[in-house]
PDB file of N, CA and C in Angstrom:
ATOM      1  N   MET A   1     -11.620 -14.847  -8.691  1.00  0.00           N
ATOM      2  CA  MET A   1     -10.456 -14.027  -9.083  1.00  0.00           C
ATOM      3  C   MET A   1      -9.759 -13.224  -7.978  1.00  0.00           C
ATOM      4  N   THR A   2      -8.707 -13.112  -7.935  1.00  0.00           N
ATOM      5  CA  THR A   2      -7.894 -12.581  -6.964  1.00  0.00           C
ATOM      6  C   THR A   2      -7.494 -11.133  -7.614  1.00  0.00           C
ATOM      7  N   LYS A   3      -7.881  -9.856  -7.137  1.00  0.00           N
ATOM      8  CA  LYS A   3      -7.319  -8.592  -7.715  1.00  0.00           C
ATOM      9  C   LYS A   3      -5.766  -8.630  -7.282  1.00  0.00           C
ATOM     10  N   LYS A   4      -5.428  -7.975  -8.443  1.00  0.00           N
ATOM     11  CA  LYS A   4      -3.610  -7.691  -7.826  1.00  0.00           C
ATOM     12  C   LYS A   4      -3.814  -6.168  -7.971  1.00  0.00           C
ATOM     13  N   ILE A   5      -2.637  -5.598  -7.548  1.00  0.00           N
ATOM     14  CA  ILE A   5      -2.376  -4.498  -6.882  1.00  0.00           C
ATOM     15  C   ILE A   5      -1.417  -3.847  -8.120  1.00  0.00           C
ATOM     16  N   THR A   6      -1.758  -2.693  -8.668  1.00  0.00           N
ATOM     17  CA  THR A   6      -0.793  -2.152  -9.794  1.00  0.00           C
ATOM     18  C   THR A   6       0.221  -1.049  -9.223  1.00  0.00           C
ATOM     19  N   ASP A   7       1.102  -0.925  -9.683  1.00  0.00           N
ATOM     20  CA  ASP A   7       1.810   0.134  -9.519  1.00  0.00           C
ATOM     21  C   ASP A   7       1.266   1.999  -9.311  1.00  0.00           C
ATOM     22  N   ASN A   8       0.163   1.826 -10.270  1.00  0.00           N
ATOM     23  CA  ASN A   8      -0.740   3.311 -10.148  1.00  0.00           C
ATOM     24  C   ASN A   8      -1.299   3.209  -8.949  1.00  0.00           C
ATOM     25  N   GLN A   9      -2.085   2.051  -8.617  1.00  0.00           N
ATOM     26  CA  GLN A   9      -2.699   1.879  -7.366  1.00  0.00           C
ATOM     27  C   GLN A   9      -1.947   2.031  -5.990  1.00  0.00           C
ATOM     28  N   MET A  10      -0.699   1.639  -5.844  1.00  0.00           N
ATOM     29  CA  MET A  10       0.286   1.969  -5.024  1.00  0.00           C
ATOM     30  C   MET A  10       0.607   2.971  -4.805  1.00  0.00           C
ATOM     31  N   ARG A  11       0.971   3.859  -5.569  1.00  0.00           N
ATOM     32  CA  ARG A  11       1.415   5.082  -5.897  1.00  0.00           C
ATOM     33  C   ARG A  11       0.101   6.194  -5.313  1.00  0.00           C
ATOM     34  N   ASN A  12      -1.098   6.136  -5.875  1.00  0.00           N
ATOM     35  CA  ASN A  12      -2.304   6.669  -5.153  1.00  0.00           C
ATOM     36  C   ASN A  12      -2.039   6.883  -3.640  1.00  0.00           C
ATOM     37  N   TRP A  13      -1.879   5.319  -3.081  1.00  0.00           N
ATOM     38  CA  TRP A  13      -2.268   5.034  -1.807  1.00  0.00           C
ATOM     39  C   TRP A  13      -1.215   5.855  -0.856  1.00  0.00           C
ATOM     40  N   ILE A  14       0.126   5.820  -1.333  1.00  0.00           N
ATOM     41  CA  ILE A  14       1.081   6.275  -0.583  1.00  0.00           C
ATOM     42  C   ILE A  14       1.172   7.807  -0.795  1.00  0.00           C
ATOM     43  N   GLY A  15       0.927   8.321  -2.041  1.00  0.00           N
ATOM     44  CA  GLY A  15       0.546   9.807  -2.004  1.00  0.00           C
ATOM     45  C   GLY A  15       2.131  10.317  -2.856  1.00  0.00           C
ATOM     46  N   SER A  16       2.180  11.775  -3.226  1.00  0.00           N
ATOM     47  CA  SER A  16       3.184  11.881  -3.761  1.00  0.00           C
ATOM     48  C   SER A  16       4.317  12.564  -2.579  1.00  0.00           C
ATOM     49  N   ASP A  17       3.898  13.181  -1.933  1.00  0.00           N
ATOM     50  CA  ASP A  17       4.931  13.598  -0.910  1.00  0.00           C
ATOM     51  C   ASP A  17       5.821  12.492   0.025  1.00  0.00           C
ATOM     52  N   ASN A  18       7.051  12.396  -0.033  1.00  0.00           N
ATOM     53  CA  ASN A  18       7.939  11.877   0.877  1.00  0.00           C
ATOM     54  C   ASN A  18       7.415  10.354   0.526  1.00  0.00           C
ATOM     55  N   THR A  19       7.494  10.032  -1.127  1.00  0.00           N
ATOM     56  CA  THR A  19       6.984   8.758  -1.213  1.00  0.00           C
ATOM     57  C   THR A  19       8.009   7.548  -0.906  1.00  0.00           C
ATOM     58  N   GLU A  20       9.460   7.847  -1.122  1.00  0.00           N
ATOM     59  CA  GLU A  20      10.261   6.926  -0.830  1.00  0.00           C
ATOM     60  C   GLU A  20      10.369   6.843   0.762  1.00  0.00           C
ATOM     61  N   ARG A  21      10.163   7.564   1.634  1.00  0.00           N
ATOM     62  CA  ARG A  21       9.994   7.615   2.942  1.00  0.00           C
ATOM     63  C   ARG A  21       8.915   6.789   3.348  1.00  0.00           C
ATOM     64  N   ASP A  22       7.826   7.075   3.299  1.00  0.00           N
ATOM     65  CA  ASP A  22       6.475   6.221   3.246  1.00  0.00           C
ATOM     66  C   ASP A  22       6.888   4.779   2.846  1.00  0.00           C
ATOM     67  N   ALA A  23       7.263   4.589   1.880  1.00  0.00           N
ATOM     68  CA  ALA A  23       7.114   3.245   1.361  1.00  0.00           C
ATOM     69  C   ALA A  23       8.319   2.384   2.059  1.00  0.00           C
ATOM     70  N   ILE A  24       9.264   3.085   2.498  1.00  0.00           N
ATOM     71  CA  ILE A  24      10.361   2.161   3.309  1.00  0.00           C
ATOM     72  C   ILE A  24       9.501   2.009   4.801  1.00  0.00           C
ATOM     73  N   ALA A  25       9.041   2.942   5.175  1.00  0.00           N
ATOM     74  CA  ALA A  25       8.268   2.538   6.699  1.00  0.00           C
ATOM     75  C   ALA A  25       7.265   1.534   6.676  1.00  0.00           C
ATOM     76  N   ILE A  26       6.599   1.396   5.443  1.00  0.00           N
ATOM     77  CA  ILE A  26       5.688   0.426   5.054  1.00  0.00           C
ATOM     78  C   ILE A  26       6.118  -0.680   5.073  1.00  0.00           C
ATOM     79  N   LEU A  27       7.386  -0.798   4.301  1.00  0.00           N
ATOM     80  CA  LEU A  27       8.157  -1.868   4.088  1.00  0.00           C
ATOM     81  C   LEU A  27       8.694  -2.558   5.712  1.00  0.00           C
ATOM     82  N   VAL A  28       8.944  -1.730   6.059  1.00  0.00           N
ATOM     83  CA  VAL A  28       9.591  -1.956   7.784  1.00  0.00           C
ATOM     84  C   VAL A  28       8.498  -2.643   8.509  1.00  0.00           C
ATOM     85  N   CYS A  29       7.509  -2.161   8.600  1.00  0.00           N
ATOM     86  CA  CYS A  29       6.140  -2.656   9.242  1.00  0.00           C
ATOM     87  C   CYS A  29       5.999  -3.921   9.002  1.00  0.00           C
ATOM     88  N   ILE A  30       5.869  -4.362   7.421  1.00  0.00           N
ATOM     89  CA  ILE A  30       5.657  -5.406   6.826  1.00  0.00           C
ATOM     90  C   ILE A  30       6.856  -6.510   7.277  1.00  0.00           C
ATOM     91  N   ALA A  31       7.896  -6.194   6.701  1.00  0.00           N
ATOM     92  CA  ALA A  31       8.914  -7.135   7.545  1.00  0.00           C
ATOM     93  C   ALA A  31       9.396  -7.406   8.726  1.00  0.00           C
ATOM     94  N   ASN A  32       8.733  -6.676   9.874  1.00  0.00           N
ATOM     95  CA  ASN A  32       8.712  -6.892  11.353  1.00  0.00           C
ATOM     96  C   ASN A  32       7.508  -7.323  11.686  1.00  0.00           C
ATOM     97  N   GLY A  33       6.307  -7.652  10.747  1.00  0.00           N
ATOM     98  CA  GLY A  33       5.246  -8.473  11.099  1.00  0.00           C
ATOM     99  C   GLY A  33       4.140  -7.592  11.759  1.00  0.00           C
ATOM    100  N   ASP A  34       4.643  -6.256  11.651  1.00  0.00           N
ATOM    101  CA  ASP A  34       3.592  -5.388  12.407  1.00  0.00           C
ATOM    102  C   ASP A  34       2.371  -4.832  11.299  1.00  0.00           C
ATOM    103  N   TYR A  35       2.561  -5.185  10.139  1.00  0.00           N
ATOM    104  CA  TYR A  35       1.446  -4.660   8.923  1.00  0.00           C
ATOM    105  C   TYR A  35       1.375  -5.794   8.133  1.00  0.00           C
ATOM    106  N   LYS A  36       0.214  -6.632   8.062  1.00  0.00           N
ATOM    107  CA  LYS A  36       0.026  -7.859   7.239  1.00  0.00           C
ATOM    108  C   LYS A  36      -0.020  -7.582   5.878  1.00  0.00           C
ATOM    109  N   PRO A  37       0.861  -8.030   5.075  1.00  0.00           N
ATOM    110  CA  PRO A  37       0.268  -8.008   3.362  1.00  0.00           C
ATOM    111  C   PRO A  37      -0.993  -7.827   2.966  1.00  0.00           C
ATOM    112  N   SER A  38      -1.962  -8.764   3.544  1.00  0.00           N
ATOM    113  CA  SER A  38      -3.214  -8.700   3.223  1.00  0.00           C
ATOM    114  C   SER A  38      -4.007  -7.723   3.819  1.00  0.00           C
ATOM    115  N   LEU A  39      -3.909  -6.902   4.892  1.00  0.00           N
ATOM    116  CA  LEU A  39      -4.024  -5.780   5.242  1.00  0.00           C
ATOM    117  C   LEU A  39      -3.835  -4.618   4.460  1.00  0.00           C
ATOM    118  N   LEU A  40      -2.633  -4.645   4.206  1.00  0.00           N
ATOM    119  CA  LEU A  40      -2.067  -3.249   2.912  1.00  0.00           C
ATOM    120  C   LEU A  40      -2.745  -3.602   1.908  1.00  0.00           C
ATOM    121  N   LYS A  41      -3.200  -4.763   1.135  1.00  0.00           N
ATOM    122  CA  LYS A  41      -3.736  -4.912  -0.117  1.00  0.00           C
ATOM    123  C   LYS A  41      -5.318  -4.420  -0.144  1.00  0.00           C
ATOM    124  N   LYS A  42      -6.043  -4.837   1.257  1.00  0.00           N
ATOM    125  CA  LYS A  42      -7.205  -4.202   1.476  1.00  0.00           C
ATOM    126  C   LYS A  42      -7.268  -3.002   1.494  1.00  0.00           C
ATOM    127  N   GLU A  43      -6.364  -2.165   2.086  1.00  0.00           N
ATOM    128  CA  GLU A  43      -6.526  -0.632   2.245  1.00  0.00           C
ATOM    129  C   GLU A  43      -6.216   0.230   0.744  1.00  0.00           C
ATOM    130  N   VAL A  44      -5.033  -0.836   0.039  1.00  0.00           N
ATOM    131  CA  VAL A  44      -4.902  -0.173  -1.180  1.00  0.00           C
ATOM    132  C   VAL A  44      -6.189   0.083  -2.190  1.00  0.00           C
ATOM    133  N   LEU A  45      -6.862  -1.435  -2.111  1.00  0.00           N
ATOM    134  CA  LEU A  45      -8.065  -1.412  -3.019  1.00  0.00           C
ATOM    135  C   LEU A  45      -9.074  -0.656  -2.626  1.00  0.00           C
ATOM    136  N   GLN A  46      -9.389  -0.433  -1.338  1.00  0.00           N
ATOM    137  CA  GLN A  46     -10.717   0.506  -0.482  1.00  0.00           C
ATOM    138  C   GLN A  46     -10.354   1.788  -0.991  1.00  0.00           C
ATOM    139  N   PHE A  47      -9.109   2.202  -0.725  1.00  0.00           N
ATOM    140  CA  PHE A  47      -8.759   3.640  -1.283  1.00  0.00           C
ATOM    141  C   PHE A  47      -8.692   3.940  -2.772  1.00  0.00           C
ATOM    142  N   ASN A  48      -8.345   3.287  -3.497  1.00  0.00           N
ATOM    143  CA  ASN A  48      -8.670   3.329  -4.824  1.00  0.00           C
ATOM    144  C   ASN A  48      -9.999   3.069  -5.466  1.00  0.00           C
ATOM    145  N   ASP A  49     -10.813   2.380  -4.807  1.00  0.00           N
ATOM    146  CA  ASP A  49     -11.813   2.350  -5.251  1.00  0.00           C
ATOM    147  C   ASP A  49     -12.920   4.106  -4.612  1.00  0.00           C
ATOM    148  N   THR A  50     -12.702   4.853  -3.918  1.00  0.00           N
ATOM    149  CA  THR A  50     -12.847   5.940  -3.340  1.00  0.00           C
ATOM    150  C   THR A  50     -12.565   7.248  -4.601  1.00  0.00           C
ATOM    151  N   LEU A  51     -11.315   6.997  -5.243  1.00  0.00           N
ATOM    152  CA  LEU A  51     -11.082   7.730  -6.477  1.00  0.00           C
ATOM    153  C   LEU A  51     -11.791   8.078  -7.309  1.00  0.00           C
TER     154      LEU A  51
END
């Protein structure tokens, strides 16, 4: 079974400061191929496992 990322998990990973700016920067990296969606998912899940 594949884990899905929730809104809360993504909010935790991005953080509360400058959320919009950080989210846009992440999306730009994904769109340009500099940051793979699978890596993003892995990092979000790992981060949330530490909470």
